[in-house]
Protein backbone atom coordinates (compact mmCIF):
# COMPACT_ATOMS: atom_id res chain seq x y z
CA MET A 1 -12.07 -2.58 -7.85
CA PRO A 2 -15.51 -1.34 -9.04
CA GLY A 3 -16.08 -1.86 -12.73
CA ILE A 4 -13.54 -4.83 -13.26
CA THR A 5 -15.49 -7.95 -14.38
CA THR A 6 -12.51 -9.96 -15.73
CA PRO A 7 -10.52 -12.13 -13.16
CA LEU A 8 -7.17 -10.64 -12.47
CA ARG A 9 -5.41 -14.10 -12.50
CA GLU A 10 -5.96 -17.60 -13.77
CA ARG A 11 -8.04 -19.65 -11.30
CA ARG A 12 -9.22 -23.25 -10.73
CA SER A 13 -12.00 -24.75 -8.78
CA ARG A 14 -11.80 -28.12 -6.93
CA LYS A 15 -14.23 -30.60 -5.53
CA PRO A 16 -14.60 -30.88 -1.83
CA THR A 17 -12.49 -33.49 0.10
CA CYS A 18 -15.34 -34.54 2.41
CA LEU A 19 -12.78 -35.00 5.22
CA PRO A 20 -13.14 -33.34 8.64
CA ASN A 21 -10.34 -31.09 9.88
CA PRO A 22 -8.12 -32.11 12.76
CA PRO A 23 -10.49 -31.17 15.63
CA MET A 24 -9.98 -28.25 17.99
CA MET A 25 -11.93 -29.06 21.19
CA LEU A 26 -12.76 -26.83 24.11
CA LEU A 27 -13.27 -28.26 27.50
CA VAL A 28 -14.77 -25.86 30.04
CA GLY A 29 -16.11 -26.01 33.51
CA PRO A 30 -15.92 -24.46 36.99
CA GLU A 31 -13.04 -24.94 39.37
CA LYS A 32 -12.34 -28.56 40.52
CA SER A 33 -14.69 -30.06 37.88
CA GLY A 34 -12.07 -32.41 36.46
CA LYS A 35 -10.98 -30.63 33.24
CA SER A 36 -7.25 -31.27 33.70
CA HIS A 37 -7.94 -34.85 34.93
CA ALA A 38 -10.08 -35.63 31.84
CA ALA A 39 -7.40 -34.17 29.59
CA ALA A 40 -4.68 -36.23 31.19
CA ALA A 41 -6.60 -39.32 30.76
CA GLY A 42 -7.38 -38.62 27.11
CA THR A 43 -3.65 -38.49 26.38
CA GLY A 44 -3.54 -42.31 26.51
CA SER A 45 -5.75 -42.67 23.44
CA ASP A 46 -4.48 -44.97 20.79
CA LEU A 47 -5.52 -42.51 18.05
CA ILE A 48 -2.74 -40.14 18.88
CA GLY A 49 1.06 -40.58 19.00
CA MET A 50 2.23 -38.08 21.65
CA THR A 51 0.70 -35.26 23.59
CA TYR A 52 2.49 -32.08 24.31
CA TRP A 53 1.14 -30.31 27.38
CA ILE A 54 1.53 -26.55 27.72
CA GLU A 55 0.58 -25.24 31.14
CA ILE A 56 -0.05 -21.41 31.54
CA GLY A 57 -0.33 -20.08 35.00
CA GLY A 58 0.86 -21.30 38.39
CA SER A 59 -2.44 -21.32 40.22
CA GLU A 60 -3.13 -24.86 39.53
CA GLY A 61 0.16 -26.60 38.62
CA THR A 62 -1.27 -30.06 37.99
CA ALA A 63 0.61 -30.94 34.72
CA ASP A 64 3.29 -32.80 36.75
CA TYR A 65 1.00 -34.42 39.30
CA TYR A 66 -1.58 -35.65 36.72
CA GLY A 67 1.20 -37.75 35.03
CA ARG A 68 0.15 -40.43 37.62
CA VAL A 69 -3.46 -40.74 35.97
CA SER A 70 -3.90 -44.24 34.60
CA GLY A 71 -2.98 -44.39 30.90
CA ALA A 72 -1.59 -40.70 30.85
CA ARG A 73 1.11 -40.32 28.22
CA TYR A 74 2.33 -36.76 27.61
CA GLU A 75 5.33 -34.42 27.79
CA ILE A 76 5.38 -31.02 29.29
CA VAL A 77 6.63 -28.13 27.12
CA GLU A 78 8.30 -25.56 29.40
CA HIS A 79 8.38 -21.73 28.93
CA ASP A 80 9.17 -18.71 31.09
CA GLY A 81 5.66 -17.40 31.51
CA THR A 82 5.99 -14.50 28.96
CA TYR A 83 3.70 -14.09 25.96
CA GLN A 84 6.37 -14.60 23.31
CA ASP A 85 7.85 -17.69 24.98
CA ILE A 86 4.42 -19.20 25.40
CA LEU A 87 3.75 -18.68 21.73
CA ASP A 88 7.13 -20.07 20.88
CA ALA A 89 6.36 -23.20 22.93
CA ILE A 90 3.12 -23.70 20.89
CA ARG A 91 5.08 -23.21 17.79
CA TRP A 92 7.63 -25.90 18.83
CA ALA A 93 4.80 -28.34 19.61
CA VAL A 94 3.15 -27.74 16.37
CA HIS A 95 6.32 -28.67 14.44
CA GLN A 96 7.05 -31.88 16.14
CA PRO A 97 6.91 -34.86 13.74
CA PRO A 98 4.32 -37.61 14.35
CA VAL A 99 5.06 -40.42 16.68
CA ASP A 100 4.63 -44.09 15.43
CA GLY A 101 2.90 -42.67 12.38
CA LYS A 102 0.08 -41.10 14.39
CA PRO A 103 -0.65 -37.32 14.81
CA ASN A 104 0.26 -35.63 18.02
CA MET A 105 -2.15 -33.78 20.39
CA ILE A 106 -1.61 -30.35 22.07
CA VAL A 107 -3.18 -29.50 25.40
CA VAL A 108 -3.22 -25.91 26.59
CA ASP A 109 -4.09 -25.57 30.17
CA ASN A 110 -5.62 -23.05 30.36
CA MET A 111 -6.88 -20.50 28.03
CA SER A 112 -8.54 -18.40 30.85
CA VAL A 113 -5.21 -17.57 32.38
CA LEU A 114 -3.77 -16.61 29.02
CA TRP A 115 -6.56 -14.10 28.41
CA ASP A 116 -6.15 -12.84 31.96
CA MET A 117 -2.42 -12.26 31.17
CA LEU A 118 -3.14 -10.39 28.00
CA SER A 119 -5.62 -8.15 29.82
CA ASP A 120 -3.19 -7.51 32.57
CA GLU A 121 -0.62 -6.57 29.98
CA GLN A 122 -2.80 -3.89 28.49
CA ALA A 123 -3.81 -2.67 32.00
CA LEU A 124 -0.14 -2.04 32.82
CA PHE A 125 0.43 -0.37 29.52
CA ALA A 126 -2.58 1.82 30.05
CA ARG A 127 -1.31 2.88 33.51
CA ARG A 128 1.96 3.71 32.06
CA ARG A 129 0.46 5.71 29.29
CA ALA A 130 -1.62 7.76 31.87
CA GLU A 131 1.64 8.40 33.91
CA ARG A 132 3.39 9.58 30.74
CA LYS A 133 0.53 11.82 29.76
CA ALA A 134 0.39 13.40 33.19
CA HIS A 135 4.16 13.99 33.05
CA GLU A 136 3.91 15.66 29.57
CA ASN A 137 1.02 17.89 30.75
CA ARG A 138 2.77 18.59 34.10
CA ARG A 139 -0.07 17.11 36.25
CA ARG A 140 0.13 14.74 39.12
CA ALA A 141 0.37 11.08 38.16
CA PRO A 142 -2.59 8.76 39.04
CA SER A 143 -2.23 6.88 42.32
CA LEU A 144 -2.25 3.11 42.52
CA ASP A 145 -5.82 3.16 43.75
CA ALA A 146 -7.08 5.35 40.94
CA PRO A 147 -9.05 3.46 38.14
CA ILE A 148 -7.34 3.45 34.79
CA VAL A 149 -9.48 3.18 31.58
CA ILE A 150 -8.04 0.77 28.96
CA ASP A 151 -8.60 2.41 25.66
CA SER A 152 -10.12 0.51 22.70
CA ASP A 153 -6.77 0.44 20.84
CA LEU A 154 -5.14 -1.53 23.75
CA TRP A 155 -8.04 -4.05 23.68
CA ASN A 156 -7.50 -4.47 19.98
CA ARG A 157 -3.82 -5.20 20.61
CA ALA A 158 -4.73 -7.76 23.20
CA LYS A 159 -7.15 -9.47 20.63
CA ASP A 160 -4.34 -9.41 18.19
CA ARG A 161 -2.05 -11.38 20.45
CA TRP A 162 -4.73 -13.72 21.35
CA GLY A 163 -5.60 -14.35 17.66
CA GLU A 164 -1.88 -15.06 16.90
CA VAL A 165 -2.08 -17.99 19.46
CA LEU A 166 -5.15 -19.46 17.69
CA TRP A 167 -3.61 -18.93 14.31
CA MET A 168 -0.52 -21.02 15.44
CA LEU A 169 -2.84 -23.78 16.90
CA ARG A 170 -4.76 -23.96 13.51
CA ARG A 171 -1.36 -24.97 11.85
CA HIS A 172 -1.30 -28.11 13.95
CA SER A 173 -1.97 -31.34 11.93
CA GLY A 174 -3.36 -33.17 15.00
CA PRO A 175 -6.20 -32.66 17.55
CA THR A 176 -5.98 -29.69 19.98
CA LEU A 177 -7.53 -29.69 23.44
CA LEU A 178 -8.12 -26.26 25.06
CA LEU A 179 -9.06 -25.94 28.69
CA ALA A 180 -10.93 -22.89 30.11
CA ARG A 181 -12.81 -21.96 33.29
CA GLN A 182 -16.54 -21.40 33.23
CA GLU A 183 -18.34 -19.05 35.67
CA ILE A 184 -21.95 -18.93 36.83
CA VAL A 185 -23.00 -15.31 36.43
CA THR A 186 -26.30 -13.32 36.39
CA ALA A 187 -28.25 -13.33 33.23
CA PHE A 188 -29.00 -9.97 31.68
CA GLU A 189 -31.96 -9.05 29.65
CA ASN A 190 -32.06 -5.77 27.71
CA ASP A 191 -29.00 -4.71 29.64
CA LYS A 192 -30.75 -5.21 32.93
CA PRO A 193 -29.89 -8.06 35.43
CA THR A 194 -32.50 -10.72 36.04
CA ARG A 195 -32.90 -13.41 38.75
CA ASP A 196 -31.67 -16.11 36.30
CA LYS A 197 -28.14 -17.51 36.18
CA THR A 198 -26.22 -18.41 33.19
CA ARG A 199 -22.78 -20.03 32.49
CA LYS A 200 -20.02 -17.87 30.84
CA ILE A 201 -16.66 -18.95 29.48
CA LYS A 202 -13.90 -16.77 31.01
CA ALA A 203 -11.79 -16.19 27.95
CA GLU A 204 -11.95 -13.95 24.86
CA ARG A 205 -15.54 -14.00 23.71
CA ASN A 206 -14.91 -15.38 20.18
CA LEU A 207 -13.20 -18.60 21.54
CA PRO A 208 -16.36 -20.77 21.11
CA ALA A 209 -16.69 -19.86 17.41
CA ALA A 210 -12.98 -20.91 16.81
CA VAL A 211 -13.30 -24.44 18.06
CA ASP A 212 -15.11 -27.52 16.61
CA ALA A 213 -16.62 -28.93 19.80
CA ILE A 214 -17.55 -27.60 23.25
CA VAL A 215 -17.91 -29.86 26.29
CA GLU A 216 -19.03 -28.41 29.56
CA LEU A 217 -18.22 -30.18 32.87
CA HIS A 218 -20.85 -29.05 35.41
CA ALA A 219 -19.51 -31.30 37.98
CA PHE A 220 -16.98 -34.09 38.25
CA GLY A 221 -18.21 -36.80 35.75
CA GLU A 222 -21.16 -34.72 34.60
CA ALA A 223 -20.51 -33.70 30.96
CA HIS A 224 -22.69 -31.91 28.45
CA LEU A 225 -22.12 -31.35 24.79
CA THR A 226 -23.09 -27.70 24.01
CA GLY A 227 -21.70 -27.08 20.62
CA VAL A 228 -20.23 -29.31 17.93
CA ARG A 229 -19.28 -29.21 14.18
CA THR A 230 -19.45 -32.74 12.81
CA LEU A 231 -21.41 -34.98 10.44
CA HIS A 232 -20.30 -38.13 12.30
CA TRP A 233 -22.59 -37.56 15.15
CA ASP A 234 -26.40 -37.19 15.21
CA VAL A 235 -27.02 -34.12 17.45
CA LYS A 236 -29.45 -31.35 17.39
CA PRO A 237 -28.04 -27.89 16.75
CA GLY A 238 -28.44 -25.27 19.40
CA GLU A 239 -29.27 -27.78 22.21
CA SER A 240 -27.30 -28.95 25.25
CA THR A 241 -26.89 -32.75 24.96
CA PRO A 242 -25.78 -34.93 28.00
CA PHE A 243 -22.57 -36.66 27.35
CA PRO A 244 -22.49 -39.71 29.63
CA ASP A 245 -19.11 -41.41 30.20
CA PHE A 246 -17.33 -38.56 28.63
CA THR A 247 -13.71 -39.22 27.64
CA VAL A 248 -11.41 -37.34 25.21
CA ASP A 249 -10.97 -40.65 23.18
CA THR A 250 -14.79 -40.96 22.76
CA LEU A 251 -15.13 -37.36 21.62
CA LEU A 252 -12.32 -37.79 19.05
CA ARG A 253 -14.10 -40.89 17.58
CA ARG A 254 -17.47 -39.23 17.45
CA LEU A 255 -15.97 -36.22 15.63
CA GLY A 256 -14.61 -38.46 12.95
CA PHE A 257 -10.92 -38.00 13.75
CA GLU A 258 -9.94 -41.42 12.35
CA ASP A 259 -11.11 -40.02 8.81
CA ALA A 260 -9.60 -36.49 9.38
CA ALA A 261 -7.50 -34.75 6.89
CA THR A 262 -3.70 -34.58 7.40
CA ALA A 263 -3.89 -30.71 7.81
CA ARG A 264 -6.66 -28.20 8.55
CA GLN A 265 -8.22 -26.86 5.32
CA VAL A 266 -8.31 -23.11 6.04
CA THR A 267 -7.63 -19.96 4.21
CA GLU A 268 -6.64 -17.23 6.59
CA THR A 269 -7.51 -13.57 5.84
CA GLN A 270 -4.69 -11.22 5.29
CA PRO A 271 -5.71 -7.68 6.49
CA GLU A 272 -2.02 -6.63 6.38
CA ALA A 273 -2.20 -6.92 2.60
CA TYR A 274 -4.11 -3.62 2.46
CA LEU A 275 -1.16 -1.93 4.06
CA LYS A 276 1.18 -3.46 1.40
CA GLU A 277 -1.04 -2.28 -1.35
CA GLN A 278 -0.84 1.20 0.11
CA ASP A 279 2.97 1.08 0.41
CA GLN A 280 3.10 -0.11 -3.31
CA GLN A 281 0.95 2.66 -4.39
CA ARG A 282 3.09 5.24 -2.55
CA ALA A 283 6.26 3.79 -4.08
CA GLN A 284 4.65 3.94 -7.55
CA GLN A 285 3.62 7.55 -6.98
CA GLN A 286 7.05 8.39 -5.70
CA SER A 287 8.69 6.70 -8.64
CA ALA A 288 6.37 8.69 -11.00
CA ARG A 289 7.28 11.99 -9.32
CA GLN A 290 10.96 11.20 -9.66
CA GLN A 291 10.64 10.40 -13.33
CA ALA A 292 8.61 13.42 -14.15
CA PRO A 293 11.45 15.98 -13.87
CA SER A 294 13.68 13.83 -16.10
CA GLN A 295 10.93 13.65 -18.71
CA GLN A 296 10.47 17.39 -18.62
CA GLN A 297 14.21 17.87 -19.16
CA ALA A 298 14.30 15.53 -22.10
CA PRO A 299 14.50 17.33 -25.53
CA ALA A 300 11.20 18.05 -27.24
CA ARG A 301 12.51 16.34 -30.26
CA GLN A 302 13.10 13.04 -28.46
CA ARG A 303 9.58 13.16 -26.90
CA GLY A 304 8.10 13.68 -30.33
CA GLU A 305 10.02 10.74 -31.82
CA THR A 306 8.87 8.55 -28.98
CA LEU A 307 5.25 9.48 -30.06
CA GLY A 308 5.99 8.68 -33.72
CA LEU A 309 6.01 12.22 -34.93
CA THR A 310 9.11 14.19 -36.02
CA GLY A 311 9.64 17.68 -37.32
CA LYS A 312 10.07 16.52 -40.87
CA ARG A 313 6.93 14.37 -40.68
CA ALA A 314 5.00 17.32 -39.30
CA VAL A 315 6.07 19.50 -42.23
CA GLU A 316 5.02 16.72 -44.61
CA LEU A 317 1.63 16.50 -43.17
CA VAL A 318 1.05 20.37 -43.32
CA TYR A 319 2.27 20.30 -47.00
CA LYS A 320 -0.21 17.57 -47.86
CA ALA A 321 -2.93 19.48 -46.14
CA LEU A 322 -2.28 22.74 -47.98
CA THR A 323 -2.07 20.96 -51.28
CA ASP A 324 -5.63 19.50 -50.72
CA GLU A 325 -7.84 20.57 -53.60
CA ASN A 326 -11.13 20.36 -51.47
CA ASN A 327 -10.68 21.88 -48.13
CA PRO A 328 -7.10 22.59 -46.83
CA MET A 329 -8.42 24.23 -43.58
CA GLU A 330 -10.20 21.20 -42.54
CA CYS A 331 -7.14 19.03 -43.21
CA LEU A 332 -5.00 21.24 -41.11
CA ARG A 333 -7.56 21.11 -38.24
CA ALA A 334 -7.64 17.33 -38.59
CA ILE A 335 -3.91 17.15 -38.00
CA ARG A 336 -4.27 19.14 -34.79
CA GLU A 337 -7.07 16.94 -33.53
CA GLU A 338 -5.30 13.77 -34.35
CA TRP A 339 -1.93 14.62 -32.56
CA GLY A 340 -3.10 16.98 -29.98
CA VAL A 341 -1.89 20.55 -29.21
CA ARG A 342 0.39 19.38 -26.44
CA THR A 343 2.25 16.96 -28.80
CA LEU A 344 2.40 19.33 -31.72
CA ARG A 345 3.92 22.14 -29.45
CA ALA A 346 6.73 19.70 -28.52
CA ILE A 347 7.75 19.13 -32.17
CA PRO A 348 10.18 21.65 -33.75
CA THR A 349 9.85 22.38 -37.45
CA GLN A 350 12.02 24.37 -39.92
CA THR A 351 10.97 26.24 -42.97
CA LYS A 352 12.96 28.74 -45.09
CA MET A 353 10.40 31.50 -45.22
CA TRP A 354 8.78 31.23 -41.72
CA GLY A 355 11.84 29.97 -39.93
CA GLU A 356 11.84 27.85 -36.89
CA MET A 357 8.68 27.21 -34.98
CA ASN A 358 6.87 24.22 -33.40
CA ALA A 359 4.32 22.21 -35.35
CA ASP A 360 1.26 23.73 -33.67
CA ASP A 361 2.35 27.22 -34.60
CA LEU A 362 3.17 26.11 -38.01
CA ILE A 363 -0.43 24.91 -38.38
CA THR A 364 -1.76 28.25 -36.98
CA LYS A 365 0.31 30.29 -39.40
CA SER A 366 -0.88 28.15 -42.37
CA LEU A 367 -4.55 28.70 -41.25
CA ASP A 368 -4.02 32.39 -41.09
CA TYR A 369 -2.44 32.39 -44.57
CA ILE A 370 -5.34 30.65 -46.06
CA GLU A 371 -7.80 33.05 -44.54
CA GLU A 372 -5.90 35.99 -45.84
CA GLN A 373 -5.80 34.57 -49.27
CA ALA A 374 -9.51 33.97 -49.22
CA LYS A 375 -10.23 37.52 -48.13
CA LYS A 376 -8.05 38.96 -50.92
CA ARG A 377 -9.85 36.84 -53.50
CA GLU A 378 -13.21 38.24 -52.24
CA GLN A 379 -11.96 41.83 -52.49
CA GLU A 380 -10.77 41.27 -56.04
CA ALA A 381 -14.02 39.54 -57.04
CA ALA A 382 -15.98 42.55 -55.74
CA GLY A 383 -13.92 44.99 -57.87
CA GLY A 384 -12.11 46.61 -54.89
CA PRO A 385 -8.54 47.63 -54.81
CA PRO A 386 -6.12 44.80 -54.39
CA SER A 387 -4.82 44.44 -50.88
CA GLU A 388 -1.18 44.39 -49.91
CA PRO A 389 0.41 41.01 -50.54
CA SER A 390 0.88 39.14 -47.40
CA THR A 391 3.94 37.18 -46.48
CA PRO A 392 4.14 34.03 -48.62
CA PRO A 393 4.23 30.71 -46.93
CA PRO A 394 7.62 29.00 -46.65
CA GLY A 395 9.15 27.43 -49.76
CA THR A 396 12.34 26.57 -51.34
CA GLY A 397 13.93 27.24 -54.85
CA GLU A 398 11.25 27.51 -57.60
CA GLN A 399 8.53 27.72 -54.85
CA ASP A 400 9.93 30.99 -53.62
CA GLN A 401 9.95 32.51 -57.09
CA ALA A 402 6.41 31.40 -57.70
CA CYS A 403 5.17 33.06 -54.53
CA GLU A 404 6.07 36.52 -56.13
CA HIS A 405 3.21 36.13 -58.83
CA ARG A 406 -0.33 35.36 -58.76
CA GLU A 407 -1.01 31.93 -60.17
CA GLU A 408 -3.86 29.84 -61.48
CA SER A 409 -2.38 26.50 -61.47
CA PRO A 410 -2.21 24.30 -58.43
CA PRO A 411 0.83 24.41 -56.22
CA SER A 412 1.93 21.13 -57.53
CA ALA A 413 3.67 22.85 -60.40
CA PRO A 414 5.40 25.83 -58.88
CA THR A 415 8.00 26.03 -61.70
CA GLN A 416 5.54 27.82 -64.05
CA PRO A 417 5.31 31.53 -63.15
CA GLN A 418 2.15 33.43 -64.28
CA PRO A 419 1.72 37.08 -65.10
CA GLU A 420 1.33 39.37 -62.05
CA GLN A 421 -2.17 40.58 -63.14
CA ALA A 422 -3.63 37.15 -63.85
CA PRO A 423 -6.85 36.51 -61.78
CA SER A 424 -6.76 33.82 -59.33
CA GLY A 425 -9.05 30.80 -59.79
CA GLU A 426 -11.27 29.08 -57.22
CA SER A 427 -8.91 26.04 -57.07
CA ASP A 428 -5.96 28.03 -55.90
CA ALA A 429 -4.17 26.73 -52.87
CA PRO A 430 -1.36 28.56 -51.06
CA PRO A 431 2.17 27.17 -51.55
CA PRO A 432 3.03 24.75 -48.84
CA PRO A 433 5.92 24.72 -46.56
CA ASP A 434 8.97 22.85 -47.96
CA PRO A 435 8.83 19.20 -46.77
CA GLU A 436 12.47 18.69 -47.77
CA ALA A 437 13.76 21.51 -45.37
CA GLU A 438 16.12 20.20 -42.86
CA GLU A 439 14.99 19.81 -39.22
CA PRO A 440 16.61 22.08 -36.73
CA PRO A 441 19.24 20.43 -34.74
CA PRO A 442 18.22 19.84 -31.08
CA ALA A 443 19.22 22.66 -28.87
CA GLU A 444 22.29 21.57 -26.93
CA SER A 445 22.03 21.82 -23.15
CA PRO A 446 25.02 22.01 -20.90
CA GLU A 447 24.71 18.31 -20.30
CA ASP A 448 25.01 17.58 -24.10
CA THR A 449 28.27 19.50 -24.49
CA SER A 450 31.33 17.15 -24.52
CA ALA A 451 34.26 17.80 -22.30
CA ALA A 452 36.50 18.41 -25.32
CA GLU A 453 34.45 21.65 -26.13
CA GLU A 454 34.96 23.04 -22.65
CA PRO A 455 37.95 25.20 -21.65
CA GLN A 456 40.74 22.78 -20.99
CA ASP A 457 41.88 24.62 -17.86
CA LEU A 458 38.55 24.24 -16.16
CA PRO A 459 36.47 21.17 -15.59
CA PRO A 460 32.93 21.10 -17.14
CA GLN A 461 30.43 22.55 -14.90
CA ARG A 462 26.70 22.85 -15.00
CA PRO A 463 25.29 26.33 -14.72
CA ALA A 464 24.03 26.86 -11.13
CA LYS A 465 20.34 27.51 -10.94
CA PRO A 466 19.67 30.54 -8.96
CA ALA A 467 17.90 29.66 -5.68
CA PRO A 468 14.33 30.90 -5.49
CA SER A 469 14.01 33.71 -3.24
CA ARG A 470 11.97 32.89 -0.16
CA LYS A 471 10.75 35.02 2.75
CA LYS A 472 11.14 33.74 6.20
CA ASP A 473 7.57 34.64 7.15
CA ASP A 474 6.03 32.92 4.16
CA PRO A 475 3.87 30.09 5.30
CA LYS A 476 5.17 27.74 2.65
CA GLU A 477 8.71 28.43 3.75
CA ILE A 478 7.77 27.88 7.41
CA ALA A 479 6.30 24.45 6.42
CA ARG A 480 9.30 23.62 4.32
CA GLN A 481 11.70 24.22 7.15
CA ALA A 482 9.58 22.14 9.49
CA LEU A 483 9.53 19.22 7.11
CA LEU A 484 13.24 19.54 6.68
CA ALA A 485 13.68 19.45 10.44
CA GLU A 486 11.53 16.33 10.68
CA ALA A 487 13.60 14.71 7.83
CA GLU A 488 16.72 15.48 9.93
CA VAL A 489 15.07 13.86 13.03
CA GLN A 490 14.20 10.78 11.03
CA ALA A 491 17.68 10.51 9.74
CA ARG A 492 19.16 10.69 13.30
CA VAL A 493 16.77 7.98 14.51
CA LYS A 494 17.70 5.78 11.49
CA PHE A 495 21.33 6.61 12.12
CA VAL A 496 22.08 7.94 8.63
CA THR A 497 22.89 11.32 7.27
CA VAL A 498 20.29 13.70 6.09
CA GLY A 499 21.70 13.38 2.54
CA GLU A 500 21.31 9.64 2.52
CA HIS A 501 17.82 9.86 4.01
CA ILE A 502 16.38 12.31 1.49
CA GLY A 503 18.67 11.29 -1.48
CA LEU A 504 15.96 9.71 -3.50
CA ILE A 505 13.90 12.91 -3.81
CA SER A 506 17.01 15.31 -4.06
CA GLU A 507 18.61 13.60 -7.04
CA ASP A 508 17.01 16.20 -9.47
CA GLY A 509 17.36 19.25 -7.29
CA GLU A 510 15.60 20.60 -4.27
CA PRO A 511 12.38 18.66 -3.72
CA GLY A 512 8.92 20.32 -3.86
CA LEU A 513 6.91 21.01 -0.71
CA GLY A 514 4.34 18.30 -1.57
CA GLN A 515 6.98 15.77 -2.55
CA LEU A 516 8.88 16.50 0.74
CA ARG A 517 5.66 16.21 2.83
CA ASP A 518 4.78 12.77 1.26
CA PHE A 519 8.40 11.51 1.83
CA VAL A 520 8.42 12.46 5.42
CA GLN A 521 4.80 11.05 5.99
CA ALA A 522 5.78 7.81 4.41
CA HIS A 523 8.81 7.17 6.72
CA ARG A 524 6.97 8.01 9.99
CA ALA A 525 5.83 4.42 10.65
CA GLU A 526 9.42 3.26 10.21
CA VAL A 527 10.78 5.79 12.70
CA ILE A 528 7.96 4.94 15.20
CA ALA A 529 8.92 1.28 14.98
CA LEU A 530 12.59 2.08 15.56
CA LEU A 531 11.70 4.18 18.63
CA GLU A 532 9.53 1.37 20.05
CA GLU A 533 12.33 -1.17 19.53
CA THR A 534 14.66 1.03 21.56
CA ASP A 535 12.24 1.26 24.46
CA GLU A 536 11.38 4.90 23.57
CA GLN A 537 7.68 4.21 23.79
CA ALA A 538 6.71 7.74 25.11
CA LEU A 539 8.46 9.37 22.26
CA ALA A 540 7.02 6.94 19.74
CA ASP A 541 3.49 7.74 20.94
CA LEU A 542 4.26 11.57 20.98
CA TYR A 543 5.56 11.22 17.35
CA ARG A 544 2.56 9.22 16.40
CA ARG A 545 0.26 12.09 17.30
CA ALA A 546 2.44 14.75 15.81
CA PRO A 547 0.61 16.93 13.14
CA MET A 548 1.97 17.34 9.60
CA PRO A 549 4.03 19.49 9.56
CA ASP A 550 5.15 19.78 13.15
CA LEU A 551 6.81 23.13 13.79
CA GLY A 552 8.13 21.95 17.21
CA ILE A 553 9.43 18.55 16.10
CA LYS A 554 13.12 19.32 17.06
CA ARG A 555 12.05 20.51 20.60
CA LYS A 556 10.17 17.28 21.22
CA PHE A 557 13.33 15.20 20.18
CA THR A 558 15.81 17.39 22.00
CA GLN A 559 16.61 14.97 24.82
CA TYR A 560 16.74 12.00 22.40
CA LEU A 561 19.00 13.82 19.94
CA ASP A 562 21.27 14.91 22.76
CA ARG A 563 22.07 11.49 23.88
CA ALA A 564 21.96 9.68 20.42
CA PRO A 565 25.07 9.65 18.33
CA SER A 566 24.69 11.15 14.89
CA ALA A 567 25.83 9.52 11.61
CA GLN A 568 28.91 11.06 10.06
């Protein structure tokens, strides 16, 4: 929020704990380099209570066999091989209580297979998307040998699912050991291959940044420390350090696990909070639009009282301004500037001579009267014929009688009439409107009339508003009908009636075109999610790309609506 310098809520600062986080370690290497064997041997460390082993992929299948490794002490968490069940297995392992007062360790073997699975998921989805587009465009579907491009939105979806696994592992209060394959590939320079070779971790590319230590096994028993985040170990950043006699227990001790905090100190970012902010803003705007008609229908008298100005008070202010001895015109203009034209027009006033009018018109009429009196005094002072007397300002009782004569005394003494031919003085001020005049009663609307005043043989009814005439070929009417058709489709997908669906924006009558468009647009995401839950992915994607408004929305949903029951 640019421009805001004051904190939006009360905050506190704290001192650092100086404790390391429970380490997340990455053990990488080529095939048959001893990764799983080293992990199994590390489960016998006396620093941990129990190890939960989550094996992903059936190409190796060593979790059961490596239970024979000397000192190995772990349990295998089973799953069915799907992403959601793998994630739930990790979730279960994270929530296991400590054993013998010591934190548990989680081993994931291996992360390369997990990333391959997520990539294969999006490749299958991309092929299905291509087949669906070909069917919609009446083209031949791609063959199994034809290459399929995985769009960037699908790769982002795979990264989101990968990030959810790491997010869950960061909730673990003990050490985590991740295994991954490492490949020897050709090194590139300026996007061109060179003769050099380099090692590359086969996983999502941000995995090294998410862990606290990286150990590479170049061969069985040959370990190198290539990255670490610790103050308990004197290493040079950016250099690969040989790690002789590598074991998981030694790595834990050099990372300071004995002094580690009970939980990882981390504050996750929340990008979804932006969507919640947008939803809240839409809800506030919709609520304001719904309240606007009711405020417009409220009596003007009630709105004026809310602002602290009533008709009687307005008359008193005009009276005081007209009786000002110095400059009544400036006083009247000051009233208008203080309250504003829009507020004054909403305040009804009542005077006996000028009748019923709003406060702004009363000020305008008073200004015109003062100008007329000033012009008449100038003509009389120049010796010209007297002009026709103008309509006197409103007054009551003796004030009305005093208006029939010319007077020299100020209007504060209206009970002393003067001769008709007496000259006017410079201090003359026009008689003000009567401040004691009763305010006009608020105009009764059909809603204010009680049932007892209605004919007893008929129930009280509101007068029907004439429907605005619309032409079928009017672009606005075409857009309105398309939006109403889309609202009907949304109601069918949500299995509610159209009245229940658009009831919020129809309480005060037929919604406007903009209000209807915003309402339909706000419910698109919900309808798309419902379609995806019912395995209508093709229709969900089609609806996601639909324009606003979509003149052919019903035609696109014809097959779905024909087989879907409607809400009664």
